[in-house]
PDB file of all heavy atoms in Angstrom:
ATOM      1  N   MET A   1     -54.870 105.561 -19.956  1.00  0.00           N
ATOM      2  CA  MET A   1     -55.312 106.884 -19.479  1.00  0.00           C
ATOM      3  C   MET A   1     -56.232 107.506 -20.519  1.00  0.00           C
ATOM      4  O   MET A   1     -56.038 107.302 -21.721  1.00  0.00           O
ATOM      5  CB  MET A   1     -54.112 107.819 -19.289  1.00  0.00           C
ATOM      6  CG  MET A   1     -53.192 107.447 -18.164  1.00  0.00           C
ATOM      7  SD  MET A   1     -53.891 107.745 -16.539  1.00  0.00           S
ATOM      8  CE  MET A   1     -53.882 109.516 -16.457  1.00  0.00           C
ATOM      9  N   ASP A   2     -57.214 108.263 -20.068  1.00  0.00           N
ATOM     10  CA  ASP A   2     -58.061 109.000 -21.001  1.00  0.00           C
ATOM     11  C   ASP A   2     -58.535 110.284 -20.344  1.00  0.00           C
ATOM     12  O   ASP A   2     -59.113 110.262 -19.254  1.00  0.00           O
ATOM     13  CB  ASP A   2     -59.260 108.151 -21.427  1.00  0.00           C
ATOM     14  CG  ASP A   2     -60.092 108.857 -22.488  1.00  0.00           C
ATOM     15  OD1 ASP A   2     -59.500 109.484 -23.384  1.00  0.00           O
ATOM     16  OD2 ASP A   2     -61.337 108.809 -22.411  1.00  0.00           O
ATOM     17  N   LYS A   3     -58.247 111.410 -20.988  1.00  0.00           N
ATOM     18  CA  LYS A   3     -58.673 112.733 -20.508  1.00  0.00           C
ATOM     19  C   LYS A   3     -58.311 112.970 -19.048  1.00  0.00           C
ATOM     20  O   LYS A   3     -59.105 113.472 -18.253  1.00  0.00           O
ATOM     21  CB  LYS A   3     -60.176 112.916 -20.742  1.00  0.00           C
ATOM     22  CG  LYS A   3     -60.491 112.918 -22.222  1.00  0.00           C
ATOM     23  CD  LYS A   3     -61.941 113.182 -22.525  1.00  0.00           C
ATOM     24  CE  LYS A   3     -62.137 113.228 -24.049  1.00  0.00           C
ATOM     25  NZ  LYS A   3     -63.492 113.240 -24.463  1.00  0.00           N
ATOM     26  N   GLY A   4     -57.090 112.556 -18.688  1.00  0.00           N
ATOM     27  CA  GLY A   4     -56.600 112.822 -17.339  1.00  0.00           C
ATOM     28  C   GLY A   4     -57.029 111.808 -16.294  1.00  0.00           C
ATOM     29  O   GLY A   4     -56.585 111.868 -15.156  1.00  0.00           O
ATOM     30  N   GLY A   5     -57.899 110.865 -16.663  1.00  0.00           N
ATOM     31  CA  GLY A   5     -58.380 109.867 -15.703  1.00  0.00           C
ATOM     32  C   GLY A   5     -57.843 108.484 -16.032  1.00  0.00           C
ATOM     33  O   GLY A   5     -57.474 108.203 -17.172  1.00  0.00           O
ATOM     34  N   VAL A   6     -57.815 107.611 -15.020  1.00  0.00           N
ATOM     35  CA  VAL A   6     -57.307 106.248 -15.211  1.00  0.00           C
ATOM     36  C   VAL A   6     -58.428 105.368 -15.756  1.00  0.00           C
ATOM     37  O   VAL A   6     -59.495 105.270 -15.169  1.00  0.00           O
ATOM     38  CB  VAL A   6     -56.791 105.667 -13.866  1.00  0.00           C
ATOM     39  CG1 VAL A   6     -56.313 104.234 -14.048  1.00  0.00           C
ATOM     40  CG2 VAL A   6     -55.665 106.529 -13.309  1.00  0.00           C
ATOM     41  N   ASN A   7     -58.151 104.727 -16.902  1.00  0.00           N
ATOM     42  CA  ASN A   7     -59.121 103.798 -17.508  1.00  0.00           C
ATOM     43  C   ASN A   7     -58.802 102.348 -17.170  1.00  0.00           C
ATOM     44  O   ASN A   7     -59.685 101.541 -16.975  1.00  0.00           O
ATOM     45  CB  ASN A   7     -59.087 103.936 -19.039  1.00  0.00           C
ATOM     46  CG  ASN A   7     -60.128 104.909 -19.525  1.00  0.00           C
ATOM     47  OD1 ASN A   7     -60.833 105.482 -18.717  1.00  0.00           O
ATOM     48  ND2 ASN A   7     -60.211 105.103 -20.825  1.00  0.00           N
ATOM     49  N   ASP A   8     -57.491 102.034 -17.185  1.00  0.00           N
ATOM     50  CA  ASP A   8     -57.041 100.662 -16.923  1.00  0.00           C
ATOM     51  C   ASP A   8     -55.814 100.738 -16.016  1.00  0.00           C
ATOM     52  O   ASP A   8     -54.725 101.122 -16.454  1.00  0.00           O
ATOM     53  CB  ASP A   8     -56.707  99.969 -18.251  1.00  0.00           C
ATOM     54  CG  ASP A   8     -56.375  98.489 -18.054  1.00  0.00           C
ATOM     55  OD1 ASP A   8     -55.727  98.162 -17.040  1.00  0.00           O
ATOM     56  OD2 ASP A   8     -56.748  97.675 -18.923  1.00  0.00           O
ATOM     57  N   LEU A   9     -56.011 100.375 -14.757  1.00  0.00           N
ATOM     58  CA  LEU A   9     -54.967 100.535 -13.741  1.00  0.00           C
ATOM     59  C   LEU A   9     -53.692  99.765 -14.100  1.00  0.00           C
ATOM     60  O   LEU A   9     -52.595 100.309 -14.020  1.00  0.00           O
ATOM     61  CB  LEU A   9     -55.512 100.053 -12.390  1.00  0.00           C
ATOM     62  CG  LEU A   9     -54.917 100.713 -11.149  1.00  0.00           C
ATOM     63  CD1 LEU A   9     -55.265 102.170 -11.097  1.00  0.00           C
ATOM     64  CD2 LEU A   9     -55.408 100.023  -9.903  1.00  0.00           C
ATOM     65  N   ASN A  10     -53.851  98.515 -14.536  1.00  0.00           N
ATOM     66  CA  ASN A  10     -52.671  97.680 -14.819  1.00  0.00           C
ATOM     67  C   ASN A  10     -51.820  98.225 -15.954  1.00  0.00           C
ATOM     68  O   ASN A  10     -50.590  98.200 -15.897  1.00  0.00           O
ATOM     69  CB  ASN A  10     -53.097  96.238 -15.139  1.00  0.00           C
ATOM     70  CG  ASN A  10     -53.686  95.557 -13.916  1.00  0.00           C
ATOM     71  OD1 ASN A  10     -53.369  95.924 -12.788  1.00  0.00           O
ATOM     72  ND2 ASN A  10     -54.568  94.593 -14.132  1.00  0.00           N
ATOM     73  N   LEU A  11     -52.486  98.729 -17.009  1.00  0.00           N
ATOM     74  CA  LEU A  11     -51.741  99.288 -18.147  1.00  0.00           C
ATOM     75  C   LEU A  11     -50.976 100.540 -17.736  1.00  0.00           C
ATOM     76  O   LEU A  11     -49.832 100.753 -18.151  1.00  0.00           O
ATOM     77  CB  LEU A  11     -52.692  99.616 -19.303  1.00  0.00           C
ATOM     78  CG  LEU A  11     -53.261  98.430 -20.086  1.00  0.00           C
ATOM     79  CD1 LEU A  11     -54.262  98.899 -21.120  1.00  0.00           C
ATOM     80  CD2 LEU A  11     -52.151  97.642 -20.768  1.00  0.00           C
ATOM     81  N   VAL A  12     -51.611 101.383 -16.905  1.00  0.00           N
ATOM     82  CA  VAL A  12     -50.945 102.611 -16.436  1.00  0.00           C
ATOM     83  C   VAL A  12     -49.723 102.237 -15.590  1.00  0.00           C
ATOM     84  O   VAL A  12     -48.644 102.814 -15.747  1.00  0.00           O
ATOM     85  CB  VAL A  12     -51.907 103.507 -15.616  1.00  0.00           C
ATOM     86  CG1 VAL A  12     -51.177 104.732 -15.077  1.00  0.00           C
ATOM     87  CG2 VAL A  12     -53.083 103.960 -16.468  1.00  0.00           C
ATOM     88  N   VAL A  13     -49.889 101.243 -14.711  1.00  0.00           N
ATOM     89  CA  VAL A  13     -48.781 100.798 -13.848  1.00  0.00           C
ATOM     90  C   VAL A  13     -47.587 100.346 -14.700  1.00  0.00           C
ATOM     91  O   VAL A  13     -46.445 100.723 -14.435  1.00  0.00           O
ATOM     92  CB  VAL A  13     -49.242  99.660 -12.893  1.00  0.00           C
ATOM     93  CG1 VAL A  13     -48.057  99.019 -12.191  1.00  0.00           C
ATOM     94  CG2 VAL A  13     -50.221 100.214 -11.864  1.00  0.00           C
ATOM     95  N   GLN A  14     -47.867  99.580 -15.763  1.00  0.00           N
ATOM     96  CA  GLN A  14     -46.782  99.123 -16.657  1.00  0.00           C
ATOM     97  C   GLN A  14     -46.065 100.304 -17.303  1.00  0.00           C
ATOM     98  O   GLN A  14     -44.828 100.334 -17.367  1.00  0.00           O
ATOM     99  CB  GLN A  14     -47.356  98.206 -17.748  1.00  0.00           C
ATOM    100  CG  GLN A  14     -47.695  96.812 -17.247  1.00  0.00           C
ATOM    101  CD  GLN A  14     -48.470  96.013 -18.289  1.00  0.00           C
ATOM    102  OE1 GLN A  14     -48.486  96.362 -19.470  1.00  0.00           O
ATOM    103  NE2 GLN A  14     -49.128  94.952 -17.857  1.00  0.00           N
ATOM    104  N   SER A  15     -46.840 101.277 -17.796  1.00  0.00           N
ATOM    105  CA  SER A  15     -46.240 102.453 -18.443  1.00  0.00           C
ATOM    106  C   SER A  15     -45.372 103.228 -17.462  1.00  0.00           C
ATOM    107  O   SER A  15     -44.262 103.654 -17.799  1.00  0.00           O
ATOM    108  CB  SER A  15     -47.341 103.372 -18.995  1.00  0.00           C
ATOM    109  OG  SER A  15     -48.170 102.694 -19.890  1.00  0.00           O
ATOM    110  N   VAL A  16     -45.887 103.422 -16.237  1.00  0.00           N
ATOM    111  CA  VAL A  16     -45.143 104.172 -15.219  1.00  0.00           C
ATOM    112  C   VAL A  16     -43.850 103.434 -14.860  1.00  0.00           C
ATOM    113  O   VAL A  16     -42.777 104.039 -14.774  1.00  0.00           O
ATOM    114  CB  VAL A  16     -46.010 104.410 -13.955  1.00  0.00           C
ATOM    115  CG1 VAL A  16     -45.176 105.004 -12.816  1.00  0.00           C
ATOM    116  CG2 VAL A  16     -47.182 105.333 -14.274  1.00  0.00           C
ATOM    117  N   LYS A  17     -43.955 102.106 -14.682  1.00  0.00           N
ATOM    118  CA  LYS A  17     -42.767 101.310 -14.331  1.00  0.00           C
ATOM    119  C   LYS A  17     -41.663 101.479 -15.371  1.00  0.00           C
ATOM    120  O   LYS A  17     -40.492 101.634 -15.039  1.00  0.00           O
ATOM    121  CB  LYS A  17     -43.140  99.824 -14.209  1.00  0.00           C
ATOM    122  CG  LYS A  17     -43.649  99.434 -12.827  1.00  0.00           C
ATOM    123  CD  LYS A  17     -43.925  97.948 -12.740  1.00  0.00           C
ATOM    124  CE  LYS A  17     -44.375  97.572 -11.323  1.00  0.00           C
ATOM    125  NZ  LYS A  17     -44.927  96.228 -11.254  1.00  0.00           N
ATOM    126  N   ARG A  18     -42.058 101.444 -16.657  1.00  0.00           N
ATOM    127  CA  ARG A  18     -41.060 101.547 -17.735  1.00  0.00           C
ATOM    128  C   ARG A  18     -40.407 102.928 -17.739  1.00  0.00           C
ATOM    129  O   ARG A  18     -39.192 103.027 -17.913  1.00  0.00           O
ATOM    130  CB  ARG A  18     -41.723 101.256 -19.085  1.00  0.00           C
ATOM    131  CG  ARG A  18     -41.953  99.754 -19.258  1.00  0.00           C
ATOM    132  CD  ARG A  18     -42.645  99.434 -20.549  1.00  0.00           C
ATOM    133  NE  ARG A  18     -42.914  97.999 -20.628  1.00  0.00           N
ATOM    134  CZ  ARG A  18     -43.861  97.469 -21.368  1.00  0.00           C
ATOM    135  NH1 ARG A  18     -44.638  98.235 -22.089  1.00  0.00           N
ATOM    136  NH2 ARG A  18     -44.045  96.162 -21.402  1.00  0.00           N
ATOM    137  N   ALA A  19     -41.211 103.979 -17.575  1.00  0.00           N
ATOM    138  CA  ALA A  19     -40.661 105.337 -17.581  1.00  0.00           C
ATOM    139  C   ALA A  19     -39.723 105.542 -16.391  1.00  0.00           C
ATOM    140  O   ALA A  19     -38.623 106.101 -16.533  1.00  0.00           O
ATOM    141  CB  ALA A  19     -41.790 106.360 -17.551  1.00  0.00           C
ATOM    142  N   ILE A  20     -40.142 105.060 -15.214  1.00  0.00           N
ATOM    143  CA  ILE A  20     -39.322 105.210 -13.997  1.00  0.00           C
ATOM    144  C   ILE A  20     -38.018 104.407 -14.135  1.00  0.00           C
ATOM    145  O   ILE A  20     -36.933 104.884 -13.781  1.00  0.00           O
ATOM    146  CB  ILE A  20     -40.108 104.752 -12.734  1.00  0.00           C
ATOM    147  CG1 ILE A  20     -41.288 105.698 -12.447  1.00  0.00           C
ATOM    148  CG2 ILE A  20     -39.193 104.624 -11.519  1.00  0.00           C
ATOM    149  CD1 ILE A  20     -40.959 107.008 -11.780  1.00  0.00           C
ATOM    150  N   HIS A  21     -38.138 103.192 -14.694  1.00  0.00           N
ATOM    151  CA  HIS A  21     -36.954 102.331 -14.868  1.00  0.00           C
ATOM    152  C   HIS A  21     -35.930 103.002 -15.798  1.00  0.00           C
ATOM    153  O   HIS A  21     -34.731 103.031 -15.504  1.00  0.00           O
ATOM    154  CB  HIS A  21     -37.390 100.975 -15.433  1.00  0.00           C
ATOM    155  CG  HIS A  21     -36.260 100.011 -15.635  1.00  0.00           C
ATOM    156  ND1 HIS A  21     -35.499  99.536 -14.575  1.00  0.00           N
ATOM    157  CD2 HIS A  21     -35.728  99.455 -16.762  1.00  0.00           C
ATOM    158  CE1 HIS A  21     -34.557  98.732 -15.054  1.00  0.00           C
ATOM    159  NE2 HIS A  21     -34.677  98.667 -16.374  1.00  0.00           N
ATOM    160  N   GLU A  22     -36.429 103.554 -16.894  1.00  0.00           N
ATOM    161  CA  GLU A  22     -35.557 104.251 -17.863  1.00  0.00           C
ATOM    162  C   GLU A  22     -34.855 105.437 -17.190  1.00  0.00           C
ATOM    163  O   GLU A  22     -33.648 105.641 -17.370  1.00  0.00           O
ATOM    164  CB  GLU A  22     -36.433 104.744 -19.027  1.00  0.00           C
ATOM    165  CG  GLU A  22     -35.671 105.250 -20.232  1.00  0.00           C
ATOM    166  CD  GLU A  22     -36.606 105.773 -21.311  1.00  0.00           C
ATOM    167  OE1 GLU A  22     -37.645 105.124 -21.594  1.00  0.00           O
ATOM    168  OE2 GLU A  22     -36.317 106.835 -21.875  1.00  0.00           O
ATOM    169  N   MET A  23     -35.615 106.181 -16.387  1.00  0.00           N
ATOM    170  CA  MET A  23     -35.060 107.344 -15.678  1.00  0.00           C
ATOM    171  C   MET A  23     -33.999 106.911 -14.657  1.00  0.00           C
ATOM    172  O   MET A  23     -32.928 107.507 -14.570  1.00  0.00           O
ATOM    173  CB  MET A  23     -36.208 108.080 -14.981  1.00  0.00           C
ATOM    174  CG  MET A  23     -35.803 109.222 -14.102  1.00  0.00           C
ATOM    175  SD  MET A  23     -37.130 109.645 -12.978  1.00  0.00           S
ATOM    176  CE  MET A  23     -36.930 108.374 -11.729  1.00  0.00           C
ATOM    177  N   GLU A  24     -34.297 105.834 -13.903  1.00  0.00           N
ATOM    178  CA  GLU A  24     -33.353 105.357 -12.877  1.00  0.00           C
ATOM    179  C   GLU A  24     -32.055 104.845 -13.506  1.00  0.00           C
ATOM    180  O   GLU A  24     -30.970 105.060 -12.972  1.00  0.00           O
ATOM    181  CB  GLU A  24     -33.997 104.248 -12.031  1.00  0.00           C
ATOM    182  CG  GLU A  24     -35.056 104.766 -11.080  1.00  0.00           C
ATOM    183  CD  GLU A  24     -35.665 103.672 -10.188  1.00  0.00           C
ATOM    184  OE1 GLU A  24     -35.615 102.486 -10.574  1.00  0.00           O
ATOM    185  OE2 GLU A  24     -36.188 104.018  -9.125  1.00  0.00           O
ATOM    186  N   LEU A  25     -32.176 104.179 -14.662  1.00  0.00           N
ATOM    187  CA  LEU A  25     -30.985 103.692 -15.370  1.00  0.00           C
ATOM    188  C   LEU A  25     -30.098 104.856 -15.783  1.00  0.00           C
ATOM    189  O   LEU A  25     -28.878 104.815 -15.612  1.00  0.00           O
ATOM    190  CB  LEU A  25     -31.390 102.897 -16.621  1.00  0.00           C
ATOM    191  CG  LEU A  25     -31.743 101.423 -16.439  1.00  0.00           C
ATOM    192  CD1 LEU A  25     -32.175 100.832 -17.771  1.00  0.00           C
ATOM    193  CD2 LEU A  25     -30.564 100.638 -15.880  1.00  0.00           C
ATOM    194  N   MET A  26     -30.727 105.904 -16.310  1.00  0.00           N
ATOM    195  CA  MET A  26     -29.950 107.059 -16.772  1.00  0.00           C
ATOM    196  C   MET A  26     -29.277 107.779 -15.603  1.00  0.00           C
ATOM    197  O   MET A  26     -28.131 108.210 -15.690  1.00  0.00           O
ATOM    198  CB  MET A  26     -30.866 108.031 -17.535  1.00  0.00           C
ATOM    199  CG  MET A  26     -30.095 109.140 -18.230  1.00  0.00           C
ATOM    200  SD  MET A  26     -31.152 110.401 -18.944  1.00  0.00           S
ATOM    201  CE  MET A  26     -31.648 109.652 -20.446  1.00  0.00           C
ATOM    202  N   ALA A  27     -30.012 107.897 -14.483  1.00  0.00           N
ATOM    203  CA  ALA A  27     -29.495 108.668 -13.344  1.00  0.00           C
ATOM    204  C   ALA A  27     -28.641 107.819 -12.403  1.00  0.00           C
ATOM    205  O   ALA A  27     -28.011 108.362 -11.487  1.00  0.00           O
ATOM    206  CB  ALA A  27     -30.658 109.276 -12.573  1.00  0.00           C
ATOM    207  N   ASP A  28     -28.665 106.491 -12.601  1.00  0.00           N
ATOM    208  CA  ASP A  28     -27.946 105.563 -11.723  1.00  0.00           C
ATOM    209  C   ASP A  28     -28.354 105.788 -10.261  1.00  0.00           C
ATOM    210  O   ASP A  28     -27.529 106.062  -9.396  1.00  0.00           O
ATOM    211  CB  ASP A  28     -26.426 105.728 -11.908  1.00  0.00           C
ATOM    212  CG  ASP A  28     -25.661 104.621 -11.167  1.00  0.00           C
ATOM    213  OD1 ASP A  28     -26.268 103.562 -10.941  1.00  0.00           O
ATOM    214  OD2 ASP A  28     -24.491 104.838 -10.797  1.00  0.00           O
ATOM    215  N   CYS A  29     -29.657 105.711 -10.033  1.00  0.00           N
ATOM    216  CA  CYS A  29     -30.164 105.912  -8.674  1.00  0.00           C
ATOM    217  C   CYS A  29     -31.421 105.073  -8.501  1.00  0.00           C
ATOM    218  O   CYS A  29     -31.927 104.484  -9.451  1.00  0.00           O
ATOM    219  CB  CYS A  29     -30.501 107.392  -8.444  1.00  0.00           C
ATOM    220  SG  CYS A  29     -31.926 107.917  -9.399  1.00  0.00           S
TER     221      CYS A  29
END
């Protein structure tokens, strides 16, 4: 990501997946 825009789609997808996975593990949902 740079200045609010997507620079590299695949890298952003990986970051989002990790954050969502961490959140789902904590919430058990």
